[in-house]
Every structure is written in structure tokens, then in C-alpha cells.
Amino acid sequence: MKSRLRVTQSFSAQHSASRARGNFAVGDLLVLQEGTEDSGQLRFVRVNGLRPNLGREPHYLLESDELQQKTEKV
């Protein structure tokens, strides 16, 4: 089962396939994806708030420590 997280502090994270950044607000739900990146970053996807005009929600990357500080397990 993949870990679900709820955002407790707003933050932004880099899109995994580009330089674009996504903004995450308090209450957003995230799901961690399998594995970690080589640089100690975690890959995750937003569960709620899918953007109809963009289609499938992209994957984002954030430092493991920062993600743990700004989220809580659900």
C-alpha cells in the first residue's frame, strides 16, 4: 500500500519531468510513489485537486526531510 500524506504547511515542489513547480496547500492529499530519487528526494502525486485542463496529475519531487516536516500520515 502506498503512503498517503496530508499537507500541514503550504509548499511548492518541482515537477519531476520539467522545471515547473506545483503549489500545495494545507489539506491537500498526496500519495508517495515507489522508490526514492538518487538525491534523497521523494516522488509523489497529488490525490485531490486533479486539474481537468491538464489531465493526469504529474509527479513532483521534494527533499525527504522537507516533505516529512510539511505533511502528516493519513
PDB file of N, CA and C in Angstrom:
ATOM      1  N   MET A   1       0.839  -1.183   0.000  1.00  0.00           N
ATOM      2  CA  MET A   1       0.000   0.000   0.000  1.00  0.00           C
ATOM      3  C   MET A   1       0.887   1.250   0.000  1.00  0.00           C
ATOM      4  N   LYS A   2       0.543   2.197  -0.814  1.00  0.00           N
ATOM      5  CA  LYS A   2       1.316   3.426  -0.902  1.00  0.00           C
ATOM      6  C   LYS A   2       0.925   4.360   0.236  1.00  0.00           C
ATOM      7  N   SER A   3       1.904   5.090   0.776  1.00  0.00           N
ATOM      8  CA  SER A   3       1.653   6.007   1.884  1.00  0.00           C
ATOM      9  C   SER A   3       0.883   7.226   1.422  1.00  0.00           C
ATOM     10  N   ARG A   4      -0.128   7.586   2.206  1.00  0.00           N
ATOM     11  CA  ARG A   4      -0.899   8.803   1.942  1.00  0.00           C
ATOM     12  C   ARG A   4      -0.487   9.851   2.960  1.00  0.00           C
ATOM     13  N   LEU A   5      -0.362  11.073   2.491  1.00  0.00           N
ATOM     14  CA  LEU A   5       0.042  12.182   3.346  1.00  0.00           C
ATOM     15  C   LEU A   5      -0.924  13.342   3.181  1.00  0.00           C
ATOM     16  N   ARG A   6      -1.098  14.126   4.250  1.00  0.00           N
ATOM     17  CA  ARG A   6      -1.894  15.352   4.191  1.00  0.00           C
ATOM     18  C   ARG A   6      -0.944  16.523   4.460  1.00  0.00           C
ATOM     19  N   VAL A   7      -1.045  17.557   3.646  1.00  0.00           N
ATOM     20  CA  VAL A   7      -0.192  18.737   3.784  1.00  0.00           C
ATOM     21  C   VAL A   7      -0.606  19.520   5.029  1.00  0.00           C
ATOM     22  N   THR A   8       0.381  19.853   5.893  1.00  0.00           N
ATOM     23  CA  THR A   8       0.130  20.647   7.096  1.00  0.00           C
ATOM     24  C   THR A   8       0.701  22.056   6.975  1.00  0.00           C
ATOM     25  N   GLN A   9       1.649  22.257   6.062  1.00  0.00           N
ATOM     26  CA  GLN A   9       2.238  23.573   5.781  1.00  0.00           C
ATOM     27  C   GLN A   9       2.351  23.719   4.274  1.00  0.00           C
ATOM     28  N   SER A  10       1.920  24.855   3.751  1.00  0.00           N
ATOM     29  CA  SER A  10       1.998  25.085   2.301  1.00  0.00           C
ATOM     30  C   SER A  10       3.443  25.005   1.818  1.00  0.00           C
ATOM     31  N   PHE A  11       3.623  24.487   0.603  1.00  0.00           N
ATOM     32  CA  PHE A  11       4.951  24.420  -0.002  1.00  0.00           C
ATOM     33  C   PHE A  11       4.810  24.287  -1.508  1.00  0.00           C
ATOM     34  N   SER A  12       5.922  24.421  -2.206  1.00  0.00           N
ATOM     35  CA  SER A  12       5.942  24.162  -3.646  1.00  0.00           C
ATOM     36  C   SER A  12       7.006  23.110  -3.913  1.00  0.00           C
ATOM     37  N   ALA A  13       6.796  22.334  -4.974  1.00  0.00           N
ATOM     38  CA  ALA A  13       7.721  21.254  -5.318  1.00  0.00           C
ATOM     39  C   ALA A  13       7.908  21.219  -6.824  1.00  0.00           C
ATOM     40  N   GLN A  14       9.064  20.746  -7.232  1.00  0.00           N
ATOM     41  CA  GLN A  14       9.393  20.683  -8.654  1.00  0.00           C
ATOM     42  C   GLN A  14       8.709  19.501  -9.326  1.00  0.00           C
ATOM     43  N   HIS A  15       8.168  19.762 -10.511  1.00  0.00           N
ATOM     44  CA  HIS A  15       7.586  18.716 -11.357  1.00  0.00           C
ATOM     45  C   HIS A  15       8.737  17.798 -11.756  1.00  0.00           C
ATOM     46  N   SER A  16       8.543  16.495 -11.726  1.00  0.00           N
ATOM     47  CA  SER A  16       9.643  15.558 -11.976  1.00  0.00           C
ATOM     48  C   SER A  16      10.165  15.577 -13.410  1.00  0.00           C
ATOM     49  N   ALA A  17       9.348  16.028 -14.374  1.00  0.00           N
ATOM     50  CA  ALA A  17       9.768  15.978 -15.776  1.00  0.00           C
ATOM     51  C   ALA A  17      10.115  17.345 -16.356  1.00  0.00           C
ATOM     52  N   SER A  18      10.067  18.391 -15.539  1.00  0.00           N
ATOM     53  CA  SER A  18      10.370  19.726 -16.062  1.00  0.00           C
ATOM     54  C   SER A  18      10.821  20.638 -14.927  1.00  0.00           C
ATOM     55  N   ARG A  19      11.005  21.909 -15.242  1.00  0.00           N
ATOM     56  CA  ARG A  19      11.377  22.886 -14.217  1.00  0.00           C
ATOM     57  C   ARG A  19      10.161  23.508 -13.547  1.00  0.00           C
ATOM     58  N   ALA A  20       8.983  23.177 -14.032  1.00  0.00           N
ATOM     59  CA  ALA A  20       7.749  23.743 -13.474  1.00  0.00           C
ATOM     60  C   ALA A  20       7.611  23.345 -12.006  1.00  0.00           C
ATOM     61  N   ARG A  21       6.926  24.183 -11.249  1.00  0.00           N
ATOM     62  CA  ARG A  21       6.699  23.905  -9.834  1.00  0.00           C
ATOM     63  C   ARG A  21       5.204  23.856  -9.565  1.00  0.00           C
ATOM     64  N   GLY A  22       4.824  22.989  -8.661  1.00  0.00           N
ATOM     65  CA  GLY A  22       3.432  22.897  -8.238  1.00  0.00           C
ATOM     66  C   GLY A  22       3.304  23.431  -6.829  1.00  0.00           C
ATOM     67  N   ASN A  23       2.214  24.116  -6.547  1.00  0.00           N
ATOM     68  CA  ASN A  23       1.953  24.644  -5.208  1.00  0.00           C
ATOM     69  C   ASN A  23       0.987  23.722  -4.485  1.00  0.00           C
ATOM     70  N   PHE A  24       1.273  23.454  -3.230  1.00  0.00           N
ATOM     71  CA  PHE A  24       0.469  22.557  -2.418  1.00  0.00           C
ATOM     72  C   PHE A  24      -0.016  23.311  -1.190  1.00  0.00           C
ATOM     73  N   ALA A  25      -1.327  23.262  -0.957  1.00  0.00           N
ATOM     74  CA  ALA A  25      -1.946  23.997   0.143  1.00  0.00           C
ATOM     75  C   ALA A  25      -2.267  23.052   1.299  1.00  0.00           C
ATOM     76  N   VAL A  26      -2.453  23.639   2.474  1.00  0.00           N
ATOM     77  CA  VAL A  26      -2.828  22.862   3.653  1.00  0.00           C
ATOM     78  C   VAL A  26      -4.097  22.071   3.339  1.00  0.00           C
ATOM     79  N   GLY A  27      -4.074  20.783   3.652  1.00  0.00           N
ATOM     80  CA  GLY A  27      -5.219  19.914   3.424  1.00  0.00           C
ATOM     81  C   GLY A  27      -5.128  19.077   2.163  1.00  0.00           C
ATOM     82  N   ASP A  28      -4.237  19.430   1.228  1.00  0.00           N
ATOM     83  CA  ASP A  28      -4.072  18.621   0.018  1.00  0.00           C
ATOM     84  C   ASP A  28      -3.624  17.213   0.410  1.00  0.00           C
ATOM     85  N   LEU A  29      -4.118  16.225  -0.310  1.00  0.00           N
ATOM     86  CA  LEU A  29      -3.722  14.836  -0.074  1.00  0.00           C
ATOM     87  C   LEU A  29      -2.711  14.411  -1.123  1.00  0.00           C
ATOM     88  N   LEU A  30      -1.666  13.709  -0.677  1.00  0.00           N
ATOM     89  CA  LEU A  30      -0.589  13.247  -1.548  1.00  0.00           C
ATOM     90  C   LEU A  30      -0.427  11.742  -1.383  1.00  0.00           C
ATOM     91  N   VAL A  31       0.099  11.096  -2.416  1.00  0.00           N
ATOM     92  CA  VAL A  31       0.445   9.675  -2.342  1.00  0.00           C
ATOM     93  C   VAL A  31       1.901   9.543  -2.760  1.00  0.00           C
ATOM     94  N   LEU A  32       2.711   8.921  -1.893  1.00  0.00           N
ATOM     95  CA  LEU A  32       4.112   8.674  -2.228  1.00  0.00           C
ATOM     96  C   LEU A  32       4.185   7.595  -3.293  1.00  0.00           C
ATOM     97  N   GLN A  33       5.098   7.744  -4.223  1.00  0.00           N
ATOM     98  CA  GLN A  33       5.307   6.754  -5.272  1.00  0.00           C
ATOM     99  C   GLN A  33       6.450   5.834  -4.861  1.00  0.00           C
ATOM    100  N   GLU A  34       6.533   4.680  -5.475  1.00  0.00           N
ATOM    101  CA  GLU A  34       7.558   3.685  -5.149  1.00  0.00           C
ATOM    102  C   GLU A  34       8.959   4.239  -5.353  1.00  0.00           C
ATOM    103  N   GLY A  35       9.859   3.903  -4.422  1.00  0.00           N
ATOM    104  CA  GLY A  35      11.264   4.264  -4.550  1.00  0.00           C
ATOM    105  C   GLY A  35      11.538   5.726  -4.267  1.00  0.00           C
ATOM    106  N   THR A  36      12.819   6.056  -4.186  1.00  0.00           N
ATOM    107  CA  THR A  36      13.245   7.436  -3.994  1.00  0.00           C
ATOM    108  C   THR A  36      14.214   7.793  -5.102  1.00  0.00           C
ATOM    109  N   GLU A  37      14.388   9.048  -5.308  1.00  0.00           N
ATOM    110  CA  GLU A  37      15.364   9.515  -6.287  1.00  0.00           C
ATOM    111  C   GLU A  37      16.761   9.402  -5.666  1.00  0.00           C
ATOM    112  N   ASP A  38      17.795   9.381  -6.493  1.00  0.00           N
ATOM    113  CA  ASP A  38      19.168   9.239  -6.015  1.00  0.00           C
ATOM    114  C   ASP A  38      19.581  10.347  -5.058  1.00  0.00           C
ATOM    115  N   SER A  39      19.030  11.522  -5.209  1.00  0.00           N
ATOM    116  CA  SER A  39      19.458  12.684  -4.434  1.00  0.00           C
ATOM    117  C   SER A  39      18.743  12.815  -3.091  1.00  0.00           C
ATOM    118  N   GLY A  40      18.027  11.788  -2.644  1.00  0.00           N
ATOM    119  CA  GLY A  40      17.324  11.857  -1.370  1.00  0.00           C
ATOM    120  C   GLY A  40      15.972  12.536  -1.457  1.00  0.00           C
ATOM    121  N   GLN A  41      15.471  12.685  -2.671  1.00  0.00           N
ATOM    122  CA  GLN A  41      14.160  13.285  -2.858  1.00  0.00           C
ATOM    123  C   GLN A  41      13.107  12.190  -2.943  1.00  0.00           C
ATOM    124  N   LEU A  42      11.894  12.531  -2.540  1.00  0.00           N
ATOM    125  CA  LEU A  42      10.773  11.610  -2.661  1.00  0.00           C
ATOM    126  C   LEU A  42       9.893  12.040  -3.819  1.00  0.00           C
ATOM    127  N   ARG A  43       9.312  11.068  -4.492  1.00  0.00           N
ATOM    128  CA  ARG A  43       8.410  11.320  -5.625  1.00  0.00           C
ATOM    129  C   ARG A  43       6.986  11.102  -5.124  1.00  0.00           C
ATOM    130  N   PHE A  44       6.096  12.039  -5.443  1.00  0.00           N
ATOM    131  CA  PHE A  44       4.713  11.922  -5.001  1.00  0.00           C
ATOM    132  C   PHE A  44       3.772  12.530  -6.024  1.00  0.00           C
ATOM    133  N   VAL A  45       2.487  12.240  -5.852  1.00  0.00           N
ATOM    134  CA  VAL A  45       1.450  12.758  -6.739  1.00  0.00           C
ATOM    135  C   VAL A  45       0.314  13.286  -5.864  1.00  0.00           C
ATOM    136  N   ARG A  46      -0.345  14.330  -6.327  1.00  0.00           N
ATOM    137  CA  ARG A  46      -1.490  14.909  -5.609  1.00  0.00           C
ATOM    138  C   ARG A  46      -2.713  14.018  -5.843  1.00  0.00           C
ATOM    139  N   VAL A  47      -3.474  13.722  -4.787  1.00  0.00           N
ATOM    140  CA  VAL A  47      -4.668  12.886  -4.917  1.00  0.00           C
ATOM    141  C   VAL A  47      -5.875  13.743  -5.242  1.00  0.00           C
ATOM    142  N   ASN A  48      -6.093  14.788  -4.448  1.00  0.00           N
ATOM    143  CA  ASN A  48      -7.241  15.654  -4.698  1.00  0.00           C
ATOM    144  C   ASN A  48      -6.804  16.837  -5.545  1.00  0.00           C
ATOM    145  N   GLY A  49      -7.753  17.506  -6.135  1.00  0.00           N
ATOM    146  CA  GLY A  49      -7.420  18.692  -6.909  1.00  0.00           C
ATOM    147  C   GLY A  49      -6.857  18.390  -8.281  1.00  0.00           C
ATOM    148  N   LEU A  50      -7.246  17.263  -8.877  1.00  0.00           N
ATOM    149  CA  LEU A  50      -6.787  16.977 -10.233  1.00  0.00           C
ATOM    150  C   LEU A  50      -7.219  18.102 -11.154  1.00  0.00           C
ATOM    151  N   ARG A  51      -6.360  18.502 -12.016  1.00  0.00           N
ATOM    152  CA  ARG A  51      -6.626  19.639 -12.891  1.00  0.00           C
ATOM    153  C   ARG A  51      -7.247  19.151 -14.193  1.00  0.00           C
ATOM    154  N   PRO A  52      -8.544  19.412 -14.418  1.00  0.00           N
ATOM    155  CA  PRO A  52      -9.218  18.914 -15.619  1.00  0.00           C
ATOM    156  C   PRO A  52      -8.559  19.387 -16.910  1.00  0.00           C
ATOM    157  N   ASN A  53      -8.039  20.601 -16.902  1.00  0.00           N
ATOM    158  CA  ASN A  53      -7.444  21.124 -18.129  1.00  0.00           C
ATOM    159  C   ASN A  53      -6.060  20.534 -18.398  1.00  0.00           C
ATOM    160  N   LEU A  54      -5.445  19.925 -17.408  1.00  0.00           N
ATOM    161  CA  LEU A  54      -4.112  19.351 -17.590  1.00  0.00           C
ATOM    162  C   LEU A  54      -4.139  17.827 -17.683  1.00  0.00           C
ATOM    163  N   GLY A  55      -5.291  17.228 -17.445  1.00  0.00           N
ATOM    164  CA  GLY A  55      -5.357  15.773 -17.486  1.00  0.00           C
ATOM    165  C   GLY A  55      -4.798  15.153 -16.222  1.00  0.00           C
ATOM    166  N   ARG A  56      -4.042  14.116 -16.362  1.00  0.00           N
ATOM    167  CA  ARG A  56      -3.492  13.381 -15.223  1.00  0.00           C
ATOM    168  C   ARG A  56      -2.521  14.245 -14.430  1.00  0.00           C
ATOM    169  N   GLU A  57      -2.613  14.170 -13.119  1.00  0.00           N
ATOM    170  CA  GLU A  57      -1.739  14.953 -12.241  1.00  0.00           C
ATOM    171  C   GLU A  57      -0.294  14.455 -12.375  1.00  0.00           C
ATOM    172  N   PRO A  58       0.656  15.351 -12.551  1.00  0.00           N
ATOM    173  CA  PRO A  58       2.060  14.946 -12.704  1.00  0.00           C
ATOM    174  C   PRO A  58       2.705  14.558 -11.376  1.00  0.00           C
ATOM    175  N   HIS A  59       3.863  13.936 -11.467  1.00  0.00           N
ATOM    176  CA  HIS A  59       4.658  13.594 -10.294  1.00  0.00           C
ATOM    177  C   HIS A  59       5.520  14.786  -9.913  1.00  0.00           C
ATOM    178  N   TYR A  60       5.750  14.923  -8.613  1.00  0.00           N
ATOM    179  CA  TYR A  60       6.578  16.006  -8.094  1.00  0.00           C
ATOM    180  C   TYR A  60       7.696  15.419  -7.253  1.00  0.00           C
ATOM    181  N   LEU A  61       8.763  16.205  -7.058  1.00  0.00           N
ATOM    182  CA  LEU A  61       9.902  15.795  -6.243  1.00  0.00           C
ATOM    183  C   LEU A  61      10.137  16.821  -5.144  1.00  0.00           C
ATOM    184  N   LEU A  62      10.490  16.330  -3.944  1.00  0.00           N
ATOM    185  CA  LEU A  62      10.823  17.212  -2.832  1.00  0.00           C
ATOM    186  C   LEU A  62      11.771  16.466  -1.909  1.00  0.00           C
ATOM    187  N   GLU A  63      12.661  17.211  -1.262  1.00  0.00           N
ATOM    188  CA  GLU A  63      13.589  16.602  -0.310  1.00  0.00           C
ATOM    189  C   GLU A  63      12.803  15.827   0.745  1.00  0.00           C
ATOM    190  N   SER A  64      13.289  14.661   1.090  1.00  0.00           N
ATOM    191  CA  SER A  64      12.619  13.785   2.038  1.00  0.00           C
ATOM    192  C   SER A  64      12.344  14.484   3.372  1.00  0.00           C
ATOM    193  N   ASP A  65      13.348  15.156   3.935  1.00  0.00           N
ATOM    194  CA  ASP A  65      13.190  15.829   5.231  1.00  0.00           C
ATOM    195  C   ASP A  65      12.128  16.918   5.174  1.00  0.00           C
ATOM    196  N   GLU A  66      12.145  17.708   4.114  1.00  0.00           N
ATOM    197  CA  GLU A  66      11.181  18.798   3.978  1.00  0.00           C
ATOM    198  C   GLU A  66       9.759  18.252   3.846  1.00  0.00           C
ATOM    199  N   LEU A  67       9.594  17.185   3.071  1.00  0.00           N
ATOM    200  CA  LEU A  67       8.268  16.593   2.896  1.00  0.00           C
ATOM    201  C   LEU A  67       7.742  16.058   4.228  1.00  0.00           C
ATOM    202  N   GLN A  68       8.595  15.434   5.015  1.00  0.00           N
ATOM    203  CA  GLN A  68       8.175  14.904   6.313  1.00  0.00           C
ATOM    204  C   GLN A  68       7.778  16.020   7.272  1.00  0.00           C
ATOM    205  N   GLN A  69       8.461  17.165   7.202  1.00  0.00           N
ATOM    206  CA  GLN A  69       8.155  18.298   8.078  1.00  0.00           C
ATOM    207  C   GLN A  69       6.831  18.959   7.713  1.00  0.00           C
ATOM    208  N   LYS A  70       6.465  18.936   6.447  1.00  0.00           N
ATOM    209  CA  LYS A  70       5.302  19.687   5.980  1.00  0.00           C
ATOM    210  C   LYS A  70       4.067  18.836   5.720  1.00  0.00           C
ATOM    211  N   THR A  71       4.144  17.557   6.083  1.00  0.00           N
ATOM    212  CA  THR A  71       2.995  16.662   5.892  1.00  0.00           C
ATOM    213  C   THR A  71       2.813  15.773   7.114  1.00  0.00           C
ATOM    214  N   GLU A  72       1.664  15.101   7.163  1.00  0.00           N
ATOM    215  CA  GLU A  72       1.402  14.100   8.195  1.00  0.00           C
ATOM    216  C   GLU A  72       0.776  12.883   7.526  1.00  0.00           C
ATOM    217  N   LYS A  73       0.993  11.712   8.109  1.00  0.00           N
ATOM    218  CA  LYS A  73       0.407  10.489   7.550  1.00  0.00           C
ATOM    219  C   LYS A  73      -1.090  10.478   7.800  1.00  0.00           C
ATOM    220  N   VAL A  74      -1.817   9.947   6.821  1.00  0.00           N
ATOM    221  CA  VAL A  74      -3.282   9.852   6.926  1.00  0.00           C
ATOM    222  C   VAL A  74      -3.660   8.400   7.119  1.00  0.00           C
TER     223      VAL A  74
END
